[in-house]
Amino acid sequence: MRGVVFDGKSVQVVDDLEVRDPGPGEVLVGIAAAGLCHSDLSVVDGTIPFPPPVVLGHEGAGVVEAVGPGVTHVVPGDHVALSTLANCGACADCDRGRPTMCRKAIGMPGQPFSRASTGQALFQFASNSSFAERTVVKAVQAVRIPKDIPLTSAALMGCGVLTGVGAVLNRAKVGRGETVVVIGTGGIGLNVIQGARIAGALTIVAVDTNPEKEAVARQFGATHFLASTDGVREILPTGADHVFECVGHTGLVRTAIDLLDRHGQAILLGMTAPTAEASFPPAAMFLDKSILGCRYGSSRPQKDIALYAELYRSGTLLLDELVTRTYPVEDFARAVEDAERGKVARGVLTF
């Protein structure tokens, strides 16, 4: 089968992948579509350390082909969106409804894939590897969705939507009438914007250096669009209640803090290098300001994906509009080029 493999030096689309059968508590999914997220590219450039060789992809949707013993919540033929979390469901954090903090969701990845031509085993990225025609995931990662949702759109719920909308609703808990600044309007930023709209934010300022992104930012709910953060204080003289940094630049972390009003929150979503450091004046925090990290939108995927599916069906949550372009998996290099040039909100690979 086809898939996208990173061997530690380069990326290639191969056609000799094999994946093992599902074991107890696992699901085999035929992938129909997978979004290209910057986290996949961060593995390639080393920002996210990950052992090669690895099958990339972590934002996918498809159809259940087989289930292992003990799996009852999905059956073959079900449409599913895949989360990247294989949480245990039994630890203290899972019991408290915080599966993103499950320590068993982090650790040495498995190797369910192999190359037919060489027999070489390959790692699975983010417990997912959706850049393959088929993948095996833990049952908790497969979230059943209505069959009337296009799988090209449903794929984006598994990362971009969970992370962006979840950061607003679950972590920042943006309230009705509050003010929001979103720095960076890529796939995550757009979902933060629409999360803020859904939460009832009164003012939503989108900031991006690419002026071509203004139209889509406003479509998703931005009330203002700026090419830099310099003009934010003209719109919000006392600062913002919430500032989301969606780029992963240490300088912008400082900027996010500087733009806060009293009791404001800076929420960090952009992925920086593991050793990168940011600085800010601690005295600025004494006005009850907060800096919040956020992993995967502080989400509960089984609950949240089901919610987002219904919000999509009601017309409240935009999914189709996120999919700027689809690419057959063989055009992976072109999809990467378009993403790096900011030509797409989200490019989606199809199988």
Protein backbone atom coordinates (compact mmCIF):
# COMPACT_ATOMS: atom_id res chain seq x y z
CA MET A 1 0.00 0.00 0.00
CA ARG A 2 1.01 3.64 -0.44
CA GLY A 3 2.28 5.92 2.27
CA VAL A 4 4.56 8.85 3.10
CA VAL A 5 7.81 7.84 4.82
CA PHE A 6 10.54 9.97 6.40
CA ASP A 7 13.80 8.05 6.73
CA GLY A 8 15.65 10.68 8.74
CA LYS A 9 17.05 12.45 5.69
CA SER A 10 14.31 12.73 3.10
CA VAL A 11 10.62 12.11 2.52
CA GLN A 12 9.31 9.79 -0.13
CA VAL A 13 5.99 8.32 -1.17
CA VAL A 14 6.34 4.53 -1.22
CA ASP A 15 4.00 1.82 -2.46
CA ASP A 16 5.25 -1.20 -0.53
CA LEU A 17 4.00 -0.47 3.00
CA GLU A 18 2.40 -3.19 5.06
CA VAL A 19 0.53 -2.83 8.34
CA ARG A 20 -0.21 -5.57 10.85
CA ASP A 21 -3.70 -6.73 11.79
CA PRO A 22 -5.43 -5.08 14.75
CA GLY A 23 -4.83 -6.66 18.13
CA PRO A 24 -6.99 -6.49 21.27
CA GLY A 25 -8.42 -3.01 21.72
CA GLU A 26 -7.29 -1.85 18.28
CA VAL A 27 -8.94 -0.76 15.04
CA LEU A 28 -7.78 -1.05 11.43
CA VAL A 29 -8.86 1.99 9.44
CA GLY A 30 -8.75 2.54 5.70
CA ILE A 31 -7.68 6.16 5.36
CA ALA A 32 -9.66 8.24 2.88
CA ALA A 33 -8.17 11.66 3.61
CA ALA A 34 -5.51 13.25 5.81
CA GLY A 35 -4.69 16.91 6.42
CA LEU A 36 -1.13 18.15 6.03
CA CYS A 37 -0.30 19.86 9.33
CA HIS A 38 2.88 21.76 10.15
CA SER A 39 3.57 19.21 12.88
CA ASP A 40 4.31 16.68 10.14
CA LEU A 41 6.76 19.12 8.58
CA SER A 42 8.26 19.78 12.01
CA VAL A 43 9.28 16.13 12.19
CA VAL A 44 11.09 16.51 8.87
CA ASP A 45 12.93 19.71 9.87
CA GLY A 46 13.77 18.40 13.35
CA THR A 47 11.63 20.80 15.39
CA ILE A 48 9.76 17.76 16.71
CA PRO A 49 12.30 15.01 17.50
CA PHE A 50 11.00 11.65 16.31
CA PRO A 51 12.77 8.39 15.52
CA PRO A 52 12.98 7.44 11.83
CA PRO A 53 12.01 5.72 9.71
CA VAL A 54 8.46 6.83 10.34
CA VAL A 55 5.17 6.91 8.47
CA LEU A 56 3.95 10.50 8.74
CA GLY A 57 0.46 11.93 9.16
CA HIS A 58 -1.73 12.50 12.18
CA GLU A 59 -4.91 14.25 11.00
CA GLY A 60 -6.99 11.64 9.24
CA ALA A 61 -10.40 10.13 8.65
CA GLY A 62 -11.56 6.97 6.98
CA VAL A 63 -13.61 3.79 7.22
CA VAL A 64 -13.21 1.02 9.76
CA GLU A 65 -12.06 -2.16 8.04
CA ALA A 66 -11.57 -4.48 11.04
CA VAL A 67 -11.60 -4.39 14.83
CA GLY A 68 -9.66 -6.39 17.37
CA PRO A 69 -11.06 -8.28 20.33
CA GLY A 70 -12.83 -6.13 22.89
CA VAL A 71 -13.75 -3.28 20.54
CA THR A 72 -17.47 -2.57 20.58
CA HIS A 73 -18.01 1.15 19.94
CA VAL A 74 -17.14 0.94 16.23
CA VAL A 75 -17.70 -1.78 13.65
CA PRO A 76 -16.46 -2.35 10.09
CA GLY A 77 -18.05 0.16 7.76
CA ASP A 78 -18.25 2.96 10.32
CA HIS A 79 -16.81 6.33 9.33
CA VAL A 80 -14.32 7.62 11.89
CA ALA A 81 -12.12 10.62 12.56
CA LEU A 82 -8.84 9.76 14.24
CA SER A 83 -7.34 11.46 17.26
CA THR A 84 -3.61 11.40 17.97
CA LEU A 85 -4.11 10.34 21.59
CA ALA A 86 -3.99 6.73 22.66
CA ASN A 87 -4.80 7.55 26.29
CA CYS A 88 -5.21 4.71 28.75
CA GLY A 89 -8.60 5.72 30.20
CA ALA A 90 -7.68 4.50 33.67
CA CYS A 91 -5.06 6.85 35.14
CA ALA A 92 -5.81 9.80 37.43
CA ASP A 93 -5.68 12.33 34.59
CA CYS A 94 -7.98 10.31 32.35
CA ASP A 95 -10.34 9.83 35.28
CA ARG A 96 -10.44 13.61 35.75
CA GLY A 97 -11.39 14.12 32.12
CA ARG A 98 -7.91 15.24 31.05
CA PRO A 99 -6.84 12.61 28.50
CA THR A 100 -4.33 14.98 26.89
CA MET A 101 -2.33 14.72 30.12
CA CYS A 102 -2.30 10.90 30.17
CA ARG A 103 1.35 9.89 30.51
CA LYS A 104 0.69 6.69 28.58
CA ALA A 105 -0.25 8.85 25.59
CA ILE A 106 3.40 9.92 25.45
CA GLY A 107 6.27 7.51 25.02
CA MET A 108 8.10 5.29 22.61
CA PRO A 109 5.95 4.83 19.51
CA GLY A 110 5.08 1.44 18.14
CA GLN A 111 6.16 -0.05 14.83
CA PRO A 112 3.02 -1.48 13.21
CA PHE A 113 4.34 -0.81 9.69
CA SER A 114 6.95 -2.53 7.56
CA ARG A 115 8.32 -2.32 4.03
CA ALA A 116 7.47 -5.36 1.91
CA SER A 117 10.60 -4.87 -0.18
CA THR A 118 13.04 -4.86 2.75
CA GLY A 119 11.17 -6.10 5.81
CA GLN A 120 12.23 -2.94 7.64
CA ALA A 121 9.97 -1.90 10.51
CA LEU A 122 8.69 1.70 10.60
CA PHE A 123 7.51 3.83 13.49
CA GLN A 124 4.03 5.30 13.79
CA PHE A 125 3.82 9.09 14.15
CA ALA A 126 1.55 10.44 16.88
CA SER A 127 0.03 6.98 17.37
CA ASN A 128 -1.70 7.63 14.06
CA SER A 129 0.28 7.71 10.77
CA SER A 130 -2.63 8.74 8.59
CA PHE A 131 -0.44 9.31 5.52
CA ALA A 132 -0.95 5.65 4.67
CA GLU A 133 -3.76 3.80 2.95
CA ARG A 134 -4.39 1.86 6.16
CA THR A 135 -3.36 2.32 9.76
CA VAL A 136 -3.90 0.60 13.10
CA VAL A 137 -4.91 2.73 16.08
CA LYS A 138 -6.10 2.19 19.62
CA ALA A 139 -9.88 1.95 19.81
CA VAL A 140 -10.13 5.15 21.85
CA GLN A 141 -8.58 7.06 18.92
CA ALA A 142 -11.31 6.07 16.46
CA VAL A 143 -14.29 8.39 16.89
CA ARG A 144 -17.42 7.46 14.96
CA ILE A 145 -18.87 10.31 12.90
CA PRO A 146 -22.00 10.66 10.78
CA LYS A 147 -21.57 9.35 7.24
CA ASP A 148 -22.92 12.55 5.71
CA ILE A 149 -19.76 14.47 6.70
CA PRO A 150 -17.25 14.44 3.80
CA LEU A 151 -14.17 12.55 4.92
CA THR A 152 -11.91 15.24 3.44
CA SER A 153 -13.47 17.68 5.92
CA ALA A 154 -13.83 15.21 8.78
CA ALA A 155 -10.08 14.54 8.72
CA LEU A 156 -9.38 18.04 10.02
CA MET A 157 -11.33 17.45 13.22
CA GLY A 158 -8.60 15.11 14.44
CA CYS A 159 -5.97 17.82 14.91
CA GLY A 160 -6.57 21.35 13.63
CA VAL A 161 -10.12 21.64 14.93
CA LEU A 162 -9.49 19.84 18.21
CA THR A 163 -6.42 21.97 18.85
CA GLY A 164 -7.74 25.37 17.79
CA VAL A 165 -11.38 25.27 18.82
CA GLY A 166 -10.48 23.21 21.89
CA ALA A 167 -7.93 25.79 23.02
CA VAL A 168 -10.69 28.40 23.04
CA LEU A 169 -13.49 26.38 24.62
CA ASN A 170 -11.58 24.00 26.91
CA ARG A 171 -8.36 25.76 27.92
CA ALA A 172 -8.91 29.53 27.68
CA LYS A 173 -12.65 29.22 28.28
CA VAL A 174 -13.33 32.39 26.31
CA GLY A 175 -16.53 34.05 27.50
CA ARG A 176 -19.29 35.85 25.66
CA GLY A 177 -18.39 39.46 24.96
CA GLU A 178 -14.65 39.03 25.59
CA THR A 179 -11.83 40.15 23.30
CA VAL A 180 -9.45 37.86 21.44
CA VAL A 181 -6.27 38.34 19.41
CA VAL A 182 -5.06 35.48 17.19
CA ILE A 183 -1.45 35.69 15.98
CA GLY A 184 -1.08 33.51 12.90
CA THR A 185 -4.00 32.43 10.71
CA GLY A 186 -2.90 29.03 9.47
CA GLY A 187 -4.96 25.92 10.10
CA ILE A 188 -4.74 26.22 13.88
CA GLY A 189 -5.28 29.99 13.92
CA LEU A 190 -8.40 29.77 11.79
CA ASN A 191 -9.86 27.25 14.19
CA VAL A 192 -9.03 29.51 17.13
CA ILE A 193 -10.87 32.28 15.30
CA GLN A 194 -13.97 30.21 14.75
CA GLY A 195 -13.76 28.85 18.28
CA ALA A 196 -13.81 32.44 19.54
CA ARG A 197 -16.79 33.18 17.31
CA ILE A 198 -18.63 30.12 18.62
CA ALA A 199 -17.81 31.17 22.20
CA GLY A 200 -19.37 34.58 21.57
CA ALA A 201 -16.28 36.79 21.65
CA LEU A 202 -17.15 40.39 20.80
CA THR A 203 -13.88 41.42 19.13
CA ILE A 204 -11.63 38.95 17.31
CA VAL A 205 -8.44 40.45 15.89
CA ALA A 206 -6.57 38.24 13.41
CA VAL A 207 -2.90 39.02 12.78
CA ASP A 208 -0.93 37.60 9.86
CA THR A 209 1.85 38.97 7.68
CA ASN A 210 0.17 37.53 4.58
CA PRO A 211 -2.59 39.97 3.50
CA GLU A 212 -4.13 37.31 1.27
CA LYS A 213 -5.36 35.55 4.40
CA GLU A 214 -7.71 38.36 5.40
CA ALA A 215 -10.75 37.12 3.50
CA VAL A 216 -10.69 33.63 4.99
CA ALA A 217 -9.92 34.97 8.48
CA ARG A 218 -13.02 37.17 8.29
CA GLN A 219 -15.03 34.26 6.90
CA PHE A 220 -14.16 32.25 10.00
CA GLY A 221 -15.14 35.06 12.35
CA ALA A 222 -12.42 37.71 12.60
CA THR A 223 -13.84 41.18 13.17
CA HIS A 224 -10.49 42.83 12.34
CA PHE A 225 -7.40 41.84 10.35
CA LEU A 226 -3.90 43.28 10.77
CA ALA A 227 -0.61 42.62 9.00
CA SER A 228 1.29 43.07 12.28
CA THR A 229 0.57 43.34 15.98
CA ASP A 230 1.48 47.03 15.95
CA GLY A 231 -2.12 48.10 15.40
CA VAL A 232 -3.76 45.91 18.05
CA ARG A 233 -3.73 48.68 20.68
CA GLU A 234 -5.62 50.98 18.33
CA ILE A 235 -8.45 48.46 18.31
CA LEU A 236 -8.08 47.33 21.94
CA PRO A 237 -6.51 50.26 23.84
CA THR A 238 -6.38 48.45 27.17
CA GLY A 239 -5.34 45.12 25.69
CA ALA A 240 -7.06 41.81 25.03
CA ASP A 241 -8.68 39.29 27.32
CA HIS A 242 -7.07 36.44 25.39
CA VAL A 243 -4.11 36.34 22.99
CA PHE A 244 -3.38 33.10 21.13
CA GLU A 245 0.14 32.62 19.71
CA CYS A 246 -0.26 30.18 16.82
CA VAL A 247 3.09 30.60 15.05
CA GLY A 248 5.68 29.13 17.39
CA HIS A 249 8.04 32.13 17.51
CA THR A 250 9.61 33.05 20.84
CA GLY A 251 9.45 36.77 20.05
CA LEU A 252 5.73 36.48 19.48
CA VAL A 253 5.34 34.85 22.88
CA ARG A 254 6.62 38.11 24.40
CA THR A 255 4.31 40.06 22.09
CA ALA A 256 1.31 38.00 23.17
CA ILE A 257 2.03 38.82 26.81
CA ASP A 258 2.53 42.51 26.04
CA LEU A 259 -0.90 42.68 24.36
CA LEU A 260 -2.83 41.43 27.38
CA ASP A 261 -5.27 43.48 29.38
CA ARG A 262 -5.48 43.06 33.15
CA HIS A 263 -6.43 39.49 34.02
CA GLY A 264 -5.66 38.51 30.43
CA GLN A 265 -4.39 35.16 29.22
CA ALA A 266 -1.70 34.33 26.65
CA ILE A 267 -2.31 30.87 25.22
CA LEU A 268 0.67 29.26 23.48
CA LEU A 269 -0.22 26.96 20.60
CA GLY A 270 2.65 27.39 18.13
CA MET A 271 5.35 24.71 18.31
CA THR A 272 8.83 26.04 19.04
CA ALA A 273 12.06 24.06 19.03
CA PRO A 274 12.45 22.03 22.26
CA THR A 275 15.40 24.15 23.45
CA ALA A 276 13.98 27.55 22.45
CA GLU A 277 13.50 30.07 25.25
CA ALA A 278 11.24 33.12 25.53
CA SER A 279 11.65 36.08 27.84
CA PHE A 280 9.27 38.63 29.34
CA PRO A 281 9.24 41.05 32.29
CA PRO A 282 7.75 39.21 35.30
CA ALA A 283 6.44 42.50 36.68
CA ALA A 284 3.94 42.51 33.83
CA MET A 285 2.24 39.45 35.32
CA PHE A 286 1.24 41.03 38.63
CA LEU A 287 -2.00 42.31 37.13
CA ASP A 288 -3.38 38.76 37.28
CA LYS A 289 -2.14 37.90 33.81
CA SER A 290 -1.54 34.26 32.87
CA ILE A 291 0.51 32.27 30.38
CA LEU A 292 -1.17 29.01 29.43
CA GLY A 293 0.30 26.07 27.61
CA CYS A 294 -2.18 23.94 25.73
CA ARG A 295 -1.71 20.42 24.47
CA TYR A 296 -4.09 19.27 21.75
CA GLY A 297 -6.77 21.76 22.74
CA SER A 298 -7.10 20.21 26.21
CA SER A 299 -9.54 17.98 24.36
CA ARG A 300 -11.58 14.91 25.18
CA PRO A 301 -11.60 13.55 21.62
CA GLN A 302 -14.48 11.09 21.92
CA LYS A 303 -16.72 13.82 23.33
CA ASP A 304 -15.37 16.83 21.46
CA ILE A 305 -15.25 15.34 17.96
CA ALA A 306 -18.86 14.22 18.34
CA LEU A 307 -19.76 17.77 19.40
CA TYR A 308 -17.88 19.37 16.53
CA ALA A 309 -19.54 17.00 14.07
CA GLU A 310 -22.96 18.23 15.20
CA LEU A 311 -21.83 21.87 15.12
CA TYR A 312 -20.71 21.27 11.52
CA ARG A 313 -24.03 19.72 10.57
CA SER A 314 -25.85 22.72 12.05
CA GLY A 315 -23.71 25.14 10.04
CA THR A 316 -21.98 26.60 13.10
CA LEU A 317 -18.55 25.01 12.64
CA LEU A 318 -16.79 25.47 9.29
CA LEU A 319 -14.97 22.42 7.96
CA ASP A 320 -15.39 22.39 4.18
CA GLU A 321 -14.05 25.94 4.07
CA LEU A 322 -10.80 24.81 5.74
CA VAL A 323 -10.00 22.48 2.84
CA THR A 324 -8.35 24.78 0.35
CA ARG A 325 -7.12 22.00 -1.90
CA THR A 326 -6.92 18.21 -2.10
CA TYR A 327 -3.93 16.29 -3.44
CA PRO A 328 -3.47 12.64 -4.33
CA VAL A 329 -0.86 11.25 -1.95
CA GLU A 330 1.61 11.05 -4.83
CA ASP A 331 1.59 14.88 -4.90
CA PHE A 332 2.88 15.15 -1.34
CA ALA A 333 5.79 17.38 -2.35
CA ARG A 334 3.43 19.83 -4.03
CA ALA A 335 1.19 19.89 -0.96
CA VAL A 336 4.21 20.73 1.20
CA GLU A 337 5.27 23.53 -1.14
CA ASP A 338 1.80 25.09 -1.07
CA ALA A 339 1.66 24.83 2.73
CA GLU A 340 5.07 26.43 3.21
CA ARG A 341 4.14 29.31 0.89
CA GLY A 342 0.91 29.96 2.77
CA LYS A 343 -1.25 29.16 -0.25
CA VAL A 344 -3.67 26.92 1.66
CA ALA A 345 -5.59 27.00 4.93
CA ARG A 346 -5.25 23.23 4.88
CA GLY A 347 -4.15 20.92 2.14
CA VAL A 348 -5.64 17.43 2.33
CA LEU A 349 -4.06 14.27 0.94
CA THR A 350 -6.43 11.69 -0.50
CA PHE A 351 -6.07 7.97 -1.14
